[in-house]
PDB file of N, CA and C in Angstrom:
ATOM      1  N   MET A   1       1.411 -17.599 -23.860  1.00  0.00           N
ATOM      2  CA  MET A   1       2.493 -16.671 -23.119  1.00  0.00           C
ATOM      3  C   MET A   1       3.175 -18.167 -22.477  1.00  0.00           C
ATOM      4  N   ASN A   2       4.613 -18.058 -22.569  1.00  0.00           N
ATOM      5  CA  ASN A   2       5.241 -18.717 -22.425  1.00  0.00           C
ATOM      6  C   ASN A   2       5.967 -18.544 -20.699  1.00  0.00           C
ATOM      7  N   TYR A   3       5.503 -19.177 -20.014  1.00  0.00           N
ATOM      8  CA  TYR A   3       6.233 -19.179 -19.090  1.00  0.00           C
ATOM      9  C   TYR A   3       7.223 -19.791 -17.990  1.00  0.00           C
ATOM     10  N   ASN A   4       8.794 -19.835 -18.024  1.00  0.00           N
ATOM     11  CA  ASN A   4       9.485 -19.906 -17.512  1.00  0.00           C
ATOM     12  C   ASN A   4      10.334 -20.106 -15.962  1.00  0.00           C
ATOM     13  N   THR A   5       9.723 -19.246 -15.473  1.00  0.00           N
ATOM     14  CA  THR A   5      10.309 -19.342 -14.579  1.00  0.00           C
ATOM     15  C   THR A   5       9.528 -18.655 -13.188  1.00  0.00           C
ATOM     16  N   ASP A   6       9.462 -19.789 -12.000  1.00  0.00           N
ATOM     17  CA  ASP A   6       8.812 -19.853 -11.334  1.00  0.00           C
ATOM     18  C   ASP A   6       9.052 -19.168  -9.744  1.00  0.00           C
ATOM     19  N   ILE A   7       8.060 -18.807  -9.269  1.00  0.00           N
ATOM     20  CA  ILE A   7       7.651 -17.384  -7.669  1.00  0.00           C
ATOM     21  C   ILE A   7       7.056 -18.864  -6.640  1.00  0.00           C
ATOM     22  N   ILE A   8       8.411 -18.629  -5.653  1.00  0.00           N
ATOM     23  CA  ILE A   8       7.389 -19.687  -4.730  1.00  0.00           C
ATOM     24  C   ILE A   8       7.285 -18.489  -3.597  1.00  0.00           C
ATOM     25  N   ILE A   9       6.099 -17.918  -2.995  1.00  0.00           N
ATOM     26  CA  ILE A   9       5.726 -17.417  -1.414  1.00  0.00           C
ATOM     27  C   ILE A   9       5.215 -18.824  -0.699  1.00  0.00           C
ATOM     28  N   LYS A  10       5.252 -18.243   0.665  1.00  0.00           N
ATOM     29  CA  LYS A  10       4.554 -18.688   1.936  1.00  0.00           C
ATOM     30  C   LYS A  10       3.152 -17.086   2.592  1.00  0.00           C
ATOM     31  N   THR A  11       1.875 -18.228   2.355  1.00  0.00           N
ATOM     32  CA  THR A  11       1.171 -17.359   3.323  1.00  0.00           C
ATOM     33  C   THR A  11       0.106 -18.473   3.959  1.00  0.00           C
ATOM     34  N   ASP A  12      -0.938 -17.666   4.875  1.00  0.00           N
ATOM     35  CA  ASP A  12      -1.217 -17.994   6.122  1.00  0.00           C
ATOM     36  C   ASP A  12      -2.591 -19.149   4.601  1.00  0.00           C
ATOM     37  N   SER A  13      -2.309 -20.349   4.756  1.00  0.00           N
ATOM     38  CA  SER A  13      -3.714 -21.488   5.490  1.00  0.00           C
ATOM     39  C   SER A  13      -4.909 -20.681   4.651  1.00  0.00           C
ATOM     40  N   ASP A  14      -4.689 -19.796   5.388  1.00  0.00           N
ATOM     41  CA  ASP A  14      -7.328 -19.329   5.808  1.00  0.00           C
ATOM     42  C   ASP A  14      -6.497 -17.940   4.470  1.00  0.00           C
ATOM     43  N   VAL A  15      -5.417 -17.597   4.682  1.00  0.00           N
ATOM     44  CA  VAL A  15      -5.810 -16.379   3.255  1.00  0.00           C
ATOM     45  C   VAL A  15      -5.670 -17.348   1.408  1.00  0.00           C
ATOM     46  N   LYS A  16      -4.724 -18.308   1.200  1.00  0.00           N
ATOM     47  CA  LYS A  16      -4.767 -19.186   0.597  1.00  0.00           C
ATOM     48  C   LYS A  16      -6.163 -19.704  -0.163  1.00  0.00           C
ATOM     49  N   GLN A  17      -6.618 -19.592   1.232  1.00  0.00           N
ATOM     50  CA  GLN A  17      -8.736 -20.386   1.127  1.00  0.00           C
ATOM     51  C   GLN A  17      -9.433 -19.992   0.168  1.00  0.00           C
ATOM     52  N   GLU A  18      -9.594 -18.960   1.270  1.00  0.00           N
ATOM     53  CA  GLU A  18     -10.275 -17.867   1.256  1.00  0.00           C
ATOM     54  C   GLU A  18     -10.050 -17.318  -0.681  1.00  0.00           C
ATOM     55  N   THR A  19      -8.696 -16.758  -0.898  1.00  0.00           N
ATOM     56  CA  THR A  19      -8.221 -16.306  -2.058  1.00  0.00           C
ATOM     57  C   THR A  19      -8.539 -17.398  -3.022  1.00  0.00           C
ATOM     58  N   GLN A  20      -8.627 -18.375  -3.281  1.00  0.00           N
ATOM     59  CA  GLN A  20      -8.943 -18.983  -4.132  1.00  0.00           C
ATOM     60  C   GLN A  20     -10.691 -19.569  -3.930  1.00  0.00           C
ATOM     61  N   GLU A  21     -11.145 -19.538  -3.016  1.00  0.00           N
ATOM     62  CA  GLU A  21     -12.735 -19.228  -3.210  1.00  0.00           C
ATOM     63  C   GLU A  21     -13.203 -18.182  -4.124  1.00  0.00           C
ATOM     64  N   ILE A  22     -12.244 -16.869  -3.976  1.00  0.00           N
ATOM     65  CA  ILE A  22     -13.313 -15.688  -4.825  1.00  0.00           C
ATOM     66  C   ILE A  22     -12.283 -16.012  -6.023  1.00  0.00           C
ATOM     67  N   PHE A  23     -10.762 -16.359  -6.678  1.00  0.00           N
ATOM     68  CA  PHE A  23     -10.609 -16.400  -7.458  1.00  0.00           C
ATOM     69  C   PHE A  23     -11.332 -17.702  -8.630  1.00  0.00           C
ATOM     70  N   GLU A  24     -11.285 -18.655  -7.892  1.00  0.00           N
ATOM     71  CA  GLU A  24     -12.628 -19.634  -9.038  1.00  0.00           C
ATOM     72  C   GLU A  24     -13.496 -18.966  -8.969  1.00  0.00           C
ATOM     73  N   ALA A  25     -14.121 -18.128  -8.134  1.00  0.00           N
ATOM     74  CA  ALA A  25     -15.852 -16.969  -9.350  1.00  0.00           C
ATOM     75  C   ALA A  25     -15.708 -16.483  -9.551  1.00  0.00           C
ATOM     76  N   LEU A  26     -13.919 -15.720  -9.983  1.00  0.00           N
ATOM     77  CA  LEU A  26     -13.520 -15.574 -11.311  1.00  0.00           C
ATOM     78  C   LEU A  26     -13.639 -16.099 -12.426  1.00  0.00           C
ATOM     79  N   GLY A  27     -13.266 -17.398 -12.123  1.00  0.00           N
ATOM     80  CA  GLY A  27     -13.212 -18.159 -13.533  1.00  0.00           C
ATOM     81  C   GLY A  27     -11.834 -17.969 -13.707  1.00  0.00           C
ATOM     82  N   LEU A  28     -10.697 -17.951 -12.887  1.00  0.00           N
ATOM     83  CA  LEU A  28      -9.453 -17.708 -12.077  1.00  0.00           C
ATOM     84  C   LEU A  28      -8.595 -18.847 -11.423  1.00  0.00           C
ATOM     85  N   ASP A  29      -7.545 -19.498 -11.622  1.00  0.00           N
ATOM     86  CA  ASP A  29      -6.283 -19.796 -10.484  1.00  0.00           C
ATOM     87  C   ASP A  29      -5.373 -18.842 -10.218  1.00  0.00           C
ATOM     88  N   ILE A  30      -4.784 -19.336  -8.317  1.00  0.00           N
ATOM     89  CA  ILE A  30      -4.021 -17.821  -7.937  1.00  0.00           C
ATOM     90  C   ILE A  30      -3.033 -17.992  -8.896  1.00  0.00           C
ATOM     91  N   GLY A  31      -2.560 -18.624  -9.752  1.00  0.00           N
ATOM     92  CA  GLY A  31      -1.039 -18.268 -10.829  1.00  0.00           C
ATOM     93  C   GLY A  31      -1.759 -16.756 -11.770  1.00  0.00           C
ATOM     94  N   THR A  32      -2.693 -17.198 -12.142  1.00  0.00           N
ATOM     95  CA  THR A  32      -2.724 -16.367 -13.444  1.00  0.00           C
ATOM     96  C   THR A  32      -3.181 -14.901 -12.328  1.00  0.00           C
ATOM     97  N   ALA A  33      -3.697 -15.034 -11.400  1.00  0.00           N
ATOM     98  CA  ALA A  33      -3.857 -13.661 -10.665  1.00  0.00           C
ATOM     99  C   ALA A  33      -2.881 -13.269  -9.994  1.00  0.00           C
ATOM    100  N   VAL A  34      -2.026 -13.733  -9.779  1.00  0.00           N
ATOM    101  CA  VAL A  34      -0.429 -13.019  -9.202  1.00  0.00           C
ATOM    102  C   VAL A  34      -0.077 -12.327 -11.097  1.00  0.00           C
ATOM    103  N   ASN A  35      -0.197 -13.639 -11.790  1.00  0.00           N
ATOM    104  CA  ASN A  35       0.654 -12.573 -12.967  1.00  0.00           C
ATOM    105  C   ASN A  35      -0.179 -11.440 -13.623  1.00  0.00           C
ATOM    106  N   ILE A  36      -1.536 -11.436 -12.772  1.00  0.00           N
ATOM    107  CA  ILE A  36      -2.454 -10.480 -13.627  1.00  0.00           C
ATOM    108  C   ILE A  36      -2.378  -9.049 -12.791  1.00  0.00           C
ATOM    109  N   PHE A  37      -1.680  -9.477 -11.022  1.00  0.00           N
ATOM    110  CA  PHE A  37      -1.175  -8.070 -10.219  1.00  0.00           C
ATOM    111  C   PHE A  37       0.363  -7.778 -10.800  1.00  0.00           C
ATOM    112  N   LEU A  38       1.306  -8.508 -11.228  1.00  0.00           N
ATOM    113  CA  LEU A  38       2.626  -8.449 -11.610  1.00  0.00           C
ATOM    114  C   LEU A  38       2.543  -7.355 -12.659  1.00  0.00           C
ATOM    115  N   ARG A  39       1.483  -8.107 -13.466  1.00  0.00           N
ATOM    116  CA  ARG A  39       1.628  -6.876 -14.993  1.00  0.00           C
ATOM    117  C   ARG A  39       0.947  -5.235 -15.241  1.00  0.00           C
ATOM    118  N   GLN A  40      -0.060  -5.531 -13.778  1.00  0.00           N
ATOM    119  CA  GLN A  40      -0.849  -3.820 -12.766  1.00  0.00           C
ATOM    120  C   GLN A  40       0.728  -3.771 -12.364  1.00  0.00           C
ATOM    121  N   VAL A  41       1.704  -4.248 -11.865  1.00  0.00           N
ATOM    122  CA  VAL A  41       2.804  -3.584 -11.855  1.00  0.00           C
ATOM    123  C   VAL A  41       3.315  -2.466 -12.337  1.00  0.00           C
ATOM    124  N   ILE A  42       4.277  -3.998 -13.277  1.00  0.00           N
ATOM    125  CA  ILE A  42       4.942  -3.521 -14.414  1.00  0.00           C
ATOM    126  C   ILE A  42       3.439  -1.768 -15.201  1.00  0.00           C
ATOM    127  N   ILE A  43       2.503  -1.848 -15.346  1.00  0.00           N
ATOM    128  CA  ILE A  43       1.684  -1.461 -15.874  1.00  0.00           C
ATOM    129  C   ILE A  43       1.725   0.858 -15.396  1.00  0.00           C
ATOM    130  N   HIS A  44       2.083   0.322 -13.781  1.00  0.00           N
ATOM    131  CA  HIS A  44       1.359   1.092 -12.921  1.00  0.00           C
ATOM    132  C   HIS A  44       2.918   1.827 -12.620  1.00  0.00           C
ATOM    133  N   HIS A  45       3.959   1.196 -12.729  1.00  0.00           N
ATOM    134  CA  HIS A  45       5.536   1.069 -11.991  1.00  0.00           C
ATOM    135  C   HIS A  45       5.538   1.372 -10.400  1.00  0.00           C
ATOM    136  N   GLY A  46       4.961   0.780  -9.976  1.00  0.00           N
ATOM    137  CA  GLY A  46       4.802  -0.007  -8.589  1.00  0.00           C
ATOM    138  C   GLY A  46       3.056  -0.286  -8.302  1.00  0.00           C
ATOM    139  N   LEU A  47       3.091  -0.552  -7.085  1.00  0.00           N
ATOM    140  CA  LEU A  47       1.568  -1.208  -7.100  1.00  0.00           C
ATOM    141  C   LEU A  47       0.412  -0.678  -7.729  1.00  0.00           C
ATOM    142  N   PRO A  48      -0.435  -1.219  -7.814  1.00  0.00           N
ATOM    143  CA  PRO A  48      -1.550  -0.676  -8.064  1.00  0.00           C
ATOM    144  C   PRO A  48      -3.022  -0.665  -7.708  1.00  0.00           C
ATOM    145  N   PHE A  49      -2.246  -0.484  -6.360  1.00  0.00           N
ATOM    146  CA  PHE A  49      -3.531   0.036  -5.630  1.00  0.00           C
ATOM    147  C   PHE A  49      -2.575   1.576  -4.431  1.00  0.00           C
ATOM    148  N   SER A  50      -3.317   1.879  -3.432  1.00  0.00           N
ATOM    149  CA  SER A  50      -2.912   2.663  -2.608  1.00  0.00           C
ATOM    150  C   SER A  50      -2.437   2.103  -1.474  1.00  0.00           C
ATOM    151  N   VAL A  51      -1.354   2.033  -0.647  1.00  0.00           N
ATOM    152  CA  VAL A  51      -1.338   1.443   0.510  1.00  0.00           C
ATOM    153  C   VAL A  51      -0.232   2.517   1.141  1.00  0.00           C
ATOM    154  N   MET A  52      -1.173   2.437   2.497  1.00  0.00           N
ATOM    155  CA  MET A  52      -1.052   4.069   3.681  1.00  0.00           C
ATOM    156  C   MET A  52      -1.390   3.664   4.906  1.00  0.00           C
ATOM    157  N   LEU A  53      -0.585   4.401   5.332  1.00  0.00           N
ATOM    158  CA  LEU A  53      -1.204   4.367   7.186  1.00  0.00           C
ATOM    159  C   LEU A  53      -1.687   5.807   7.628  1.00  0.00           C
ATOM    160  N   GLU A  54      -2.689   5.032   8.171  1.00  0.00           N
ATOM    161  CA  GLU A  54      -3.492   6.350   8.839  1.00  0.00           C
ATOM    162  C   GLU A  54      -2.522   7.519   9.425  1.00  0.00           C
ATOM    163  N   PRO A  55      -2.486   8.625   9.377  1.00  0.00           N
ATOM    164  CA  PRO A  55      -2.738   9.140   9.900  1.00  0.00           C
ATOM    165  C   PRO A  55      -2.361   9.830  11.572  1.00  0.00           C
ATOM    166  N   ASN A  56      -0.997   9.277  12.759  1.00  0.00           N
ATOM    167  CA  ASN A  56      -1.236   9.620  13.883  1.00  0.00           C
ATOM    168  C   ASN A  56      -1.519  10.177  14.927  1.00  0.00           C
ATOM    169  N   ASP A  57      -1.763  10.357  15.441  1.00  0.00           N
ATOM    170  CA  ASP A  57      -2.211  11.836  16.366  1.00  0.00           C
ATOM    171  C   ASP A  57      -1.595  13.282  16.548  1.00  0.00           C
ATOM    172  N   ILE A  58       0.292  12.922  15.985  1.00  0.00           N
ATOM    173  CA  ILE A  58       0.730  14.014  16.021  1.00  0.00           C
ATOM    174  C   ILE A  58       0.571  14.790  14.705  1.00  0.00           C
ATOM    175  N   THR A  59       0.288  13.822  14.008  1.00  0.00           N
ATOM    176  CA  THR A  59       0.526  14.682  12.109  1.00  0.00           C
ATOM    177  C   THR A  59      -0.420  15.072  12.480  1.00  0.00           C
ATOM    178  N   VAL A  60      -2.068  14.289  12.869  1.00  0.00           N
ATOM    179  CA  VAL A  60      -3.258  14.948  13.225  1.00  0.00           C
ATOM    180  C   VAL A  60      -3.704  16.433  13.347  1.00  0.00           C
ATOM    181  N   ASN A  61      -2.784  16.843  14.946  1.00  0.00           N
ATOM    182  CA  ASN A  61      -2.947  17.671  15.185  1.00  0.00           C
ATOM    183  C   ASN A  61      -2.097  18.113  14.458  1.00  0.00           C
ATOM    184  N   ALA A  62      -1.159  18.010  14.054  1.00  0.00           N
ATOM    185  CA  ALA A  62      -0.575  18.925  13.121  1.00  0.00           C
ATOM    186  C   ALA A  62      -1.152  19.498  11.802  1.00  0.00           C
ATOM    187  N   ILE A  63      -1.628  18.896  11.414  1.00  0.00           N
ATOM    188  CA  ILE A  63      -3.018  19.047  10.247  1.00  0.00           C
ATOM    189  C   ILE A  63      -3.769  20.231  10.616  1.00  0.00           C
ATOM    190  N   ASN A  64      -4.892  20.105  12.289  1.00  0.00           N
ATOM    191  CA  ASN A  64      -5.810  20.144  12.408  1.00  0.00           C
ATOM    192  C   ASN A  64      -5.594  21.905  13.475  1.00  0.00           C
ATOM    193  N   ASN A  65      -4.419  22.226  13.495  1.00  0.00           N
ATOM    194  CA  ASN A  65      -3.326  23.297  14.483  1.00  0.00           C
ATOM    195  C   ASN A  65      -3.425  24.165  13.484  1.00  0.00           C
ATOM    196  N   GLU A  66      -3.729  25.677  13.615  1.00  0.00           N
ATOM    197  CA  GLU A  66      -3.377  26.243  11.435  1.00  0.00           C
ATOM    198  C   GLU A  66      -1.956  27.356  12.892  1.00  0.00           C
ATOM    199  N   LEU A  67      -1.138  26.646  11.982  1.00  0.00           N
ATOM    200  CA  LEU A  67      -0.041  26.531  11.442  1.00  0.00           C
ATOM    201  C   LEU A  67       0.346  28.606  10.200  1.00  0.00           C
ATOM    202  N   HIS A  68       0.804  28.884  11.014  1.00  0.00           N
ATOM    203  CA  HIS A  68       1.358  30.528  10.210  1.00  0.00           C
ATOM    204  C   HIS A  68       2.495  30.719   9.758  1.00  0.00           C
ATOM    205  N   GLY A  69       3.687  29.854   8.950  1.00  0.00           N
ATOM    206  CA  GLY A  69       4.677  30.106   8.300  1.00  0.00           C
ATOM    207  C   GLY A  69       4.673  31.268   7.370  1.00  0.00           C
ATOM    208  N   PRO A  70       6.039  31.880   7.168  1.00  0.00           N
ATOM    209  CA  PRO A  70       6.555  30.727   6.545  1.00  0.00           C
ATOM    210  C   PRO A  70       7.721  30.192   7.864  1.00  0.00           C
ATOM    211  N   PHE A  71       8.357  29.184   8.224  1.00  0.00           N
ATOM    212  CA  PHE A  71       9.230  29.163   8.951  1.00  0.00           C
ATOM    213  C   PHE A  71      10.289  28.817   8.152  1.00  0.00           C
ATOM    214  N   ASN A  72      11.568  30.211   9.732  1.00  0.00           N
ATOM    215  CA  ASN A  72      12.789  30.549   8.451  1.00  0.00           C
ATOM    216  C   ASN A  72      13.855  28.283   8.790  1.00  0.00           C
ATOM    217  N   SER A  73      13.252  27.946   9.654  1.00  0.00           N
ATOM    218  CA  SER A  73      14.333  26.818  10.800  1.00  0.00           C
ATOM    219  C   SER A  73      12.920  25.488  10.874  1.00  0.00           C
ATOM    220  N   VAL A  74      13.794  24.954  11.058  1.00  0.00           N
ATOM    221  CA  VAL A  74      13.152  23.219  12.137  1.00  0.00           C
ATOM    222  C   VAL A  74      12.967  24.137  13.084  1.00  0.00           C
ATOM    223  N   GLU A  75      13.786  23.938  13.625  1.00  0.00           N
ATOM    224  CA  GLU A  75      13.106  24.552  14.763  1.00  0.00           C
ATOM    225  C   GLU A  75      12.592  26.037  15.227  1.00  0.00           C
ATOM    226  N   GLU A  76      12.131  26.549  14.448  1.00  0.00           N
ATOM    227  CA  GLU A  76      11.429  27.480  14.762  1.00  0.00           C
ATOM    228  C   GLU A  76       9.955  27.155  13.816  1.00  0.00           C
ATOM    229  N   LEU A  77       9.827  26.532  13.284  1.00  0.00           N
ATOM    230  CA  LEU A  77       8.616  25.585  13.392  1.00  0.00           C
ATOM    231  C   LEU A  77       8.203  24.490  13.984  1.00  0.00           C
ATOM    232  N   MET A  78       8.854  23.731  14.751  1.00  0.00           N
ATOM    233  CA  MET A  78       8.812  22.520  15.853  1.00  0.00           C
ATOM    234  C   MET A  78       8.183  23.246  16.701  1.00  0.00           C
ATOM    235  N   LYS A  79       8.747  24.612  17.256  1.00  0.00           N
ATOM    236  CA  LYS A  79       8.440  25.846  18.254  1.00  0.00           C
ATOM    237  C   LYS A  79       6.740  25.569  17.898  1.00  0.00           C
ATOM    238  N   ALA A  80       6.808  26.823  17.033  1.00  0.00           N
ATOM    239  CA  ALA A  80       5.085  26.098  16.669  1.00  0.00           C
ATOM    240  C   ALA A  80       4.426  25.294  16.739  1.00  0.00           C
ATOM    241  N   LEU A  81       4.529  24.136  16.795  1.00  0.00           N
ATOM    242  CA  LEU A  81       3.711  22.908  16.896  1.00  0.00           C
ATOM    243  C   LEU A  81       3.823  22.560  18.333  1.00  0.00           C
ATOM    244  N   ASN A  82       4.942  23.120  18.591  1.00  0.00           N
ATOM    245  CA  ASN A  82       4.458  22.630  20.121  1.00  0.00           C
ATOM    246  C   ASN A  82       3.719  23.468  20.710  1.00  0.00           C
ATOM    247  N   GLU A  83       3.120  24.917  20.658  1.00  0.00           N
ATOM    248  CA  GLU A  83       3.108  25.223  21.590  1.00  0.00           C
ATOM    249  C   GLU A  83       1.492  25.152  21.221  1.00  0.00           C
TER     250      GLU A  83
END
């Protein structure tokens, strides 16, 4: 493989140290691991793992409440959510 460009990143020194130790145990260096990650991004056309936030209380309540639709407008939906 012909590597012909550089990527410079900044990270916390503890993060770097911990990842270096893990990669070394896997027989990798950071550069190789980053290249694996970048190739996985290409294969998946996005991040190769799930990235999400936990739903907040409002969303959880909306999911748990039984809403009976259909709703003809956002106002009707909001009224049902606020009841």
